[in-house]
Amino acid sequence: MCNVQRGQQAEGPIAGRSLAYIELRPDGHFTIALLRPLAAFDKGNFRMKRAFLLVWLLVPFLAQAADLTDEQHIERAVRDYIESQHQADPLRMARGIDPTLAKRTYWRAADGSEFIINTDYDAMLKVARNYNKDGTRFPAHPRVDIRILDIDQRVATVKLNADEWIDYMHLYKNDHSEWKIVNVLWQYHDTTRQVSKK
């Protein structure tokens, strides 16, 4: 990626035929550099005019991305987690959770003993891909109630109420300024379901 500062010409392959260079960084900030002088927009160069119009139209959307708050980024990560299950979309799940994810709940075995079930990143991608593949696991308008309980710099705690269960989540902001879910502790609303069938 290249930033073009005032008074400098663009260098490298982007300076060949490009009209403008846009860099959108993970922290939401962006840089736009015009690589051609405005005099280049003569009547016969429709391609350049069209490209310039595209850049002009993109600016408000890039500005909106830059203005997202931590709360909005956190909510998006949580929505990726739950809505990826509604929509059978593993890519959204991957965007919301960290590769080191640890998801846990307690469970009672058929013999009465209790143990902890652990679910990892790869298993959650499979859940997103397969759990609601036939579209029958959730109501037409699924419940998604997100409460951000606390944010302290780069860590946050969230409670998610879904149709059949609750999730308590820990998120952190990684070194790319992306909020990711690293821990989930979940429980069915009906806790009698947390038992293996005999």
Protein backbone atom coordinates (compact mmCIF):
# COMPACT_ATOMS: atom_id res chain seq x y z
CA MET A 1 0.00 0.00 0.00
CA CYS A 2 1.16 3.51 -0.70
CA ASN A 3 0.25 6.84 0.85
CA VAL A 4 0.67 9.87 -1.41
CA GLN A 5 1.57 12.97 0.57
CA ARG A 6 0.94 16.55 -0.57
CA GLY A 7 3.52 17.63 -3.11
CA GLN A 8 4.60 14.05 -3.92
CA GLN A 9 3.90 12.02 -7.02
CA ALA A 10 2.61 8.48 -6.74
CA GLU A 11 5.32 5.88 -7.20
CA GLY A 12 5.16 2.24 -8.24
CA PRO A 13 2.54 0.42 -10.31
CA ILE A 14 -0.38 2.49 -9.04
CA ALA A 15 1.01 5.57 -10.80
CA GLY A 16 0.62 4.07 -14.27
CA ARG A 17 -3.03 4.39 -15.28
CA SER A 18 -4.79 4.80 -11.96
CA LEU A 19 -6.84 7.90 -11.34
CA ALA A 20 -6.85 7.81 -7.55
CA TYR A 21 -5.59 5.66 -4.72
CA ILE A 22 -7.74 4.79 -1.71
CA GLU A 23 -6.42 3.04 1.38
CA LEU A 24 -8.99 1.92 3.98
CA ARG A 25 -7.16 0.86 7.13
CA PRO A 26 -8.50 -1.66 9.70
CA ASP A 27 -8.89 1.11 12.26
CA GLY A 28 -11.53 2.67 10.00
CA HIS A 29 -9.42 5.62 8.80
CA PHE A 30 -8.72 6.11 5.13
CA THR A 31 -6.49 7.98 2.73
CA ILE A 32 -7.51 9.21 -0.72
CA ALA A 33 -4.90 10.50 -3.15
CA LEU A 34 -5.62 11.96 -6.59
CA LEU A 35 -3.00 10.53 -8.95
CA ARG A 36 -3.86 12.63 -11.97
CA PRO A 37 -4.19 16.42 -12.26
CA LEU A 38 -7.68 17.76 -12.78
CA ALA A 39 -6.59 19.03 -16.19
CA ALA A 40 -6.60 15.42 -17.36
CA PHE A 41 -10.41 15.43 -17.29
CA ASP A 42 -10.97 16.64 -20.83
CA LYS A 43 -14.13 16.00 -22.80
CA GLY A 44 -12.67 13.06 -24.64
CA ASN A 45 -11.59 11.05 -21.61
CA PHE A 46 -14.83 9.46 -20.44
CA ARG A 47 -13.06 6.66 -18.53
CA MET A 48 -11.29 9.11 -16.24
CA LYS A 49 -14.47 11.06 -15.64
CA ARG A 50 -16.32 7.89 -14.71
CA ALA A 51 -13.53 6.79 -12.34
CA PHE A 52 -13.45 10.20 -10.68
CA LEU A 53 -17.22 10.05 -10.17
CA LEU A 54 -16.84 6.62 -8.55
CA VAL A 55 -14.24 7.97 -6.11
CA TRP A 56 -16.48 10.93 -5.31
CA LEU A 57 -19.41 8.61 -4.55
CA LEU A 58 -17.26 6.36 -2.33
CA VAL A 59 -16.13 9.14 -0.01
CA PRO A 60 -19.31 9.27 2.16
CA PHE A 61 -19.24 5.48 2.67
CA LEU A 62 -15.57 5.52 3.64
CA ALA A 63 -16.22 8.39 6.03
CA GLN A 64 -19.04 6.42 7.62
CA ALA A 65 -16.74 3.42 8.14
CA ALA A 66 -14.17 5.70 9.77
CA ASP A 67 -16.79 7.03 12.18
CA LEU A 68 -17.87 3.63 13.57
CA THR A 69 -17.53 3.50 17.33
CA ASP A 70 -16.18 0.62 19.40
CA GLU A 71 -19.76 -0.17 20.42
CA GLN A 72 -20.79 -0.52 16.78
CA HIS A 73 -17.79 -2.73 15.95
CA ILE A 74 -18.54 -4.92 18.97
CA GLU A 75 -22.20 -5.25 18.01
CA ARG A 76 -21.22 -6.17 14.47
CA ALA A 77 -18.95 -8.97 15.76
CA VAL A 78 -21.77 -10.34 17.93
CA ARG A 79 -24.25 -10.08 15.05
CA ASP A 80 -21.78 -11.93 12.81
CA TYR A 81 -21.69 -14.69 15.41
CA ILE A 82 -25.47 -15.17 15.76
CA GLU A 83 -26.70 -14.15 12.30
CA SER A 84 -24.17 -16.42 10.63
CA GLN A 85 -26.07 -19.27 12.29
CA HIS A 86 -29.41 -17.90 11.09
CA GLN A 87 -28.15 -17.53 7.51
CA ALA A 88 -25.77 -20.53 7.29
CA ASP A 89 -22.87 -18.17 6.54
CA PRO A 90 -19.49 -19.42 7.86
CA LEU A 91 -17.68 -16.39 6.44
CA ARG A 92 -19.56 -14.07 8.79
CA MET A 93 -18.81 -16.39 11.69
CA ALA A 94 -15.11 -16.26 10.80
CA ARG A 95 -15.23 -12.46 10.75
CA GLY A 96 -16.74 -12.26 14.23
CA ILE A 97 -14.71 -14.80 16.19
CA ASP A 98 -11.02 -15.15 16.97
CA PRO A 99 -9.13 -18.31 15.85
CA THR A 100 -8.39 -19.02 19.53
CA LEU A 101 -12.11 -18.98 20.44
CA ALA A 102 -13.16 -21.03 23.47
CA LYS A 103 -16.91 -21.64 23.79
CA ARG A 104 -18.13 -23.60 26.82
CA THR A 105 -21.18 -24.78 28.70
CA TYR A 106 -21.91 -27.31 31.43
CA TRP A 107 -23.64 -30.60 30.61
CA ARG A 108 -25.03 -33.57 32.52
CA ALA A 109 -24.25 -37.05 31.29
CA ALA A 110 -26.81 -39.84 31.25
CA ASP A 111 -25.21 -41.32 34.40
CA GLY A 112 -25.77 -38.06 36.29
CA SER A 113 -22.18 -36.79 36.21
CA GLU A 114 -21.53 -33.24 35.03
CA PHE A 115 -18.83 -32.06 32.66
CA ILE A 116 -17.89 -29.07 30.50
CA ILE A 117 -18.44 -29.05 26.74
CA ASN A 118 -15.77 -27.14 24.79
CA THR A 119 -16.34 -25.80 21.27
CA ASP A 120 -13.54 -24.22 19.22
CA TYR A 121 -13.19 -21.98 16.16
CA ASP A 122 -13.38 -24.76 13.56
CA ALA A 123 -16.44 -26.30 15.20
CA MET A 124 -18.24 -22.93 15.15
CA LEU A 125 -17.55 -22.56 11.42
CA LYS A 126 -19.21 -25.96 10.95
CA VAL A 127 -22.14 -24.84 13.12
CA ALA A 128 -22.57 -21.74 10.94
CA ARG A 129 -22.42 -23.84 7.79
CA ASN A 130 -24.71 -26.70 8.84
CA TYR A 131 -26.87 -25.96 11.91
CA ASN A 132 -29.60 -24.06 10.03
CA LYS A 133 -28.87 -25.38 6.57
CA ASP A 134 -32.50 -26.37 6.03
CA GLY A 135 -33.83 -23.10 7.48
CA THR A 136 -35.92 -24.71 10.23
CA ARG A 137 -33.84 -24.06 13.37
CA PHE A 138 -34.93 -20.46 13.98
CA PRO A 139 -38.24 -18.55 13.74
CA ALA A 140 -38.90 -16.23 10.80
CA HIS A 141 -37.77 -13.27 12.90
CA PRO A 142 -35.11 -14.58 15.31
CA ARG A 143 -34.48 -12.90 18.63
CA VAL A 144 -31.22 -10.98 18.80
CA ASP A 145 -30.87 -8.97 22.01
CA ILE A 146 -27.34 -7.61 22.47
CA ARG A 147 -26.30 -5.88 25.70
CA ILE A 148 -22.78 -4.50 25.93
CA LEU A 149 -22.08 -4.82 29.65
CA ASP A 150 -18.65 -3.19 29.77
CA ILE A 151 -15.87 -1.84 27.56
CA ASP A 152 -12.42 -1.05 28.93
CA GLN A 153 -9.96 0.05 26.23
CA ARG A 154 -9.36 -3.14 24.21
CA VAL A 155 -11.60 -5.61 26.07
CA ALA A 156 -15.38 -5.91 26.37
CA THR A 157 -18.10 -8.07 27.91
CA VAL A 158 -21.40 -8.71 26.13
CA LYS A 159 -24.61 -10.63 26.87
CA LEU A 160 -26.50 -12.05 23.90
CA ASN A 161 -30.07 -13.28 24.31
CA ALA A 162 -31.12 -15.52 21.43
CA ASP A 163 -34.28 -17.56 20.95
CA GLU A 164 -33.22 -20.64 22.89
CA TRP A 165 -30.09 -19.66 24.77
CA ILE A 166 -27.93 -16.91 26.23
CA ASP A 167 -24.26 -16.24 25.53
CA TYR A 168 -21.90 -14.33 27.79
CA MET A 169 -19.04 -13.13 25.60
CA HIS A 170 -15.58 -11.66 26.01
CA LEU A 171 -14.20 -9.68 23.08
CA TYR A 172 -10.89 -7.96 22.47
CA LYS A 173 -9.62 -5.48 19.90
CA ASN A 174 -6.70 -7.06 18.09
CA ASP A 175 -3.64 -5.31 16.67
CA HIS A 176 -5.58 -4.66 13.44
CA SER A 177 -8.23 -2.77 15.45
CA GLU A 178 -10.78 -5.55 14.81
CA TRP A 179 -13.08 -6.61 17.66
CA LYS A 180 -13.16 -10.41 17.96
CA ILE A 181 -15.01 -12.83 20.25
CA VAL A 182 -12.51 -14.93 22.22
CA ASN A 183 -14.66 -16.49 24.98
CA VAL A 184 -18.29 -17.61 25.09
CA LEU A 185 -20.12 -19.15 28.07
CA TRP A 186 -23.61 -20.26 27.05
CA GLN A 187 -26.71 -21.81 28.56
CA TYR A 188 -30.18 -22.80 27.32
CA HIS A 189 -33.06 -20.73 28.69
CA ASP A 190 -34.55 -24.11 29.61
CA THR A 191 -31.66 -25.59 31.58
CA THR A 192 -33.33 -29.02 31.72
CA ARG A 193 -32.18 -29.39 28.11
CA GLN A 194 -28.55 -29.46 29.18
CA VAL A 195 -28.50 -33.21 29.70
CA SER A 196 -27.63 -36.19 27.53
CA LYS A 197 -30.50 -38.47 26.62
CA LYS A 198 -30.34 -41.98 28.06
